[in-house]
Amino acid sequence: MKVLKTALPLLLLFTGACATTNPPTQQLTETETVIRQADQIGAGDYAPLEIRQARQKLEQARAAYNN
């Protein structure tokens, strides 16, 4: 649970980095890694809504980057 409390704010920070002028490819990759790690430790069992929202925001960030 402690990892989840750390991972989700980092996730939001990385997805918020999409507003920078440089392509956020590293941030998107790091965000995907954080979500995958959260899945591996069972975060979906404890915070399914937050994990789903994180995935949705990552997809939104990818879509914005690709457009």
Protein backbone atom coordinates (compact mmCIF):
# COMPACT_ATOMS: atom_id res chain seq x y z
CA MET A 1 0.00 0.00 0.00
CA LYS A 2 2.92 2.33 0.74
CA VAL A 3 4.25 1.80 -2.78
CA LEU A 4 0.84 2.67 -4.18
CA LYS A 5 0.75 5.93 -2.24
CA THR A 6 4.12 6.79 -3.76
CA ALA A 7 3.43 5.49 -7.25
CA LEU A 8 0.17 7.30 -7.96
CA PRO A 9 1.47 10.83 -7.28
CA LEU A 10 4.48 10.03 -9.46
CA LEU A 11 2.13 8.84 -12.15
CA LEU A 12 0.23 12.10 -12.06
CA LEU A 13 3.51 14.03 -12.16
CA PHE A 14 4.69 12.12 -15.22
CA THR A 15 1.41 12.51 -17.08
CA GLY A 16 1.36 16.20 -16.19
CA ALA A 17 4.72 16.52 -17.89
CA CYS A 18 2.93 16.29 -21.24
CA ALA A 19 2.58 20.07 -21.16
CA THR A 20 6.32 20.51 -21.71
CA THR A 21 7.75 21.48 -25.09
CA ASN A 22 9.90 18.35 -25.39
CA PRO A 23 8.27 15.10 -26.43
CA PRO A 24 7.29 13.26 -23.25
CA THR A 25 8.33 9.82 -24.46
CA GLN A 26 10.44 9.11 -21.38
CA GLN A 27 7.65 10.21 -19.03
CA LEU A 28 5.12 8.05 -20.85
CA THR A 29 7.43 5.05 -20.62
CA GLU A 30 8.11 5.68 -16.93
CA THR A 31 4.41 6.07 -16.24
CA GLU A 32 3.66 2.78 -17.98
CA THR A 33 6.37 1.14 -15.86
CA VAL A 34 4.89 2.53 -12.65
CA ILE A 35 1.44 1.25 -13.57
CA ARG A 36 2.85 -2.17 -14.43
CA GLN A 37 4.73 -2.31 -11.12
CA ALA A 38 1.59 -1.32 -9.24
CA ASP A 39 -0.26 -4.17 -10.98
CA GLN A 40 2.47 -6.62 -10.04
CA ILE A 41 2.22 -5.80 -6.35
CA GLY A 42 -1.55 -6.13 -6.38
CA ALA A 43 -2.55 -2.48 -6.32
CA GLY A 44 -5.64 -3.34 -8.35
CA ASP A 45 -6.94 -5.29 -5.37
CA TYR A 46 -6.64 -2.29 -3.06
CA ALA A 47 -7.22 0.65 -5.38
CA PRO A 48 -8.94 -0.56 -8.55
CA LEU A 49 -10.47 2.83 -9.36
CA GLU A 50 -7.15 4.63 -9.09
CA ILE A 51 -5.36 2.08 -11.26
CA ARG A 52 -8.10 2.30 -13.90
CA GLN A 53 -7.91 6.11 -13.82
CA ALA A 54 -4.13 5.95 -14.15
CA ARG A 55 -4.46 3.75 -17.24
CA GLN A 56 -7.06 6.08 -18.73
CA LYS A 57 -4.88 9.14 -18.14
CA LEU A 58 -1.90 7.38 -19.67
CA GLU A 59 -3.96 6.57 -22.77
CA GLN A 60 -5.16 10.19 -22.93
CA ALA A 61 -1.57 11.39 -22.70
CA ARG A 62 -0.51 9.01 -25.46
CA ALA A 63 -3.39 10.14 -27.66
CA ALA A 64 -2.50 13.81 -27.09
CA TYR A 65 1.14 13.08 -27.89
CA ASN A 66 0.27 11.26 -31.09
CA ASN A 67 -2.03 14.01 -32.37
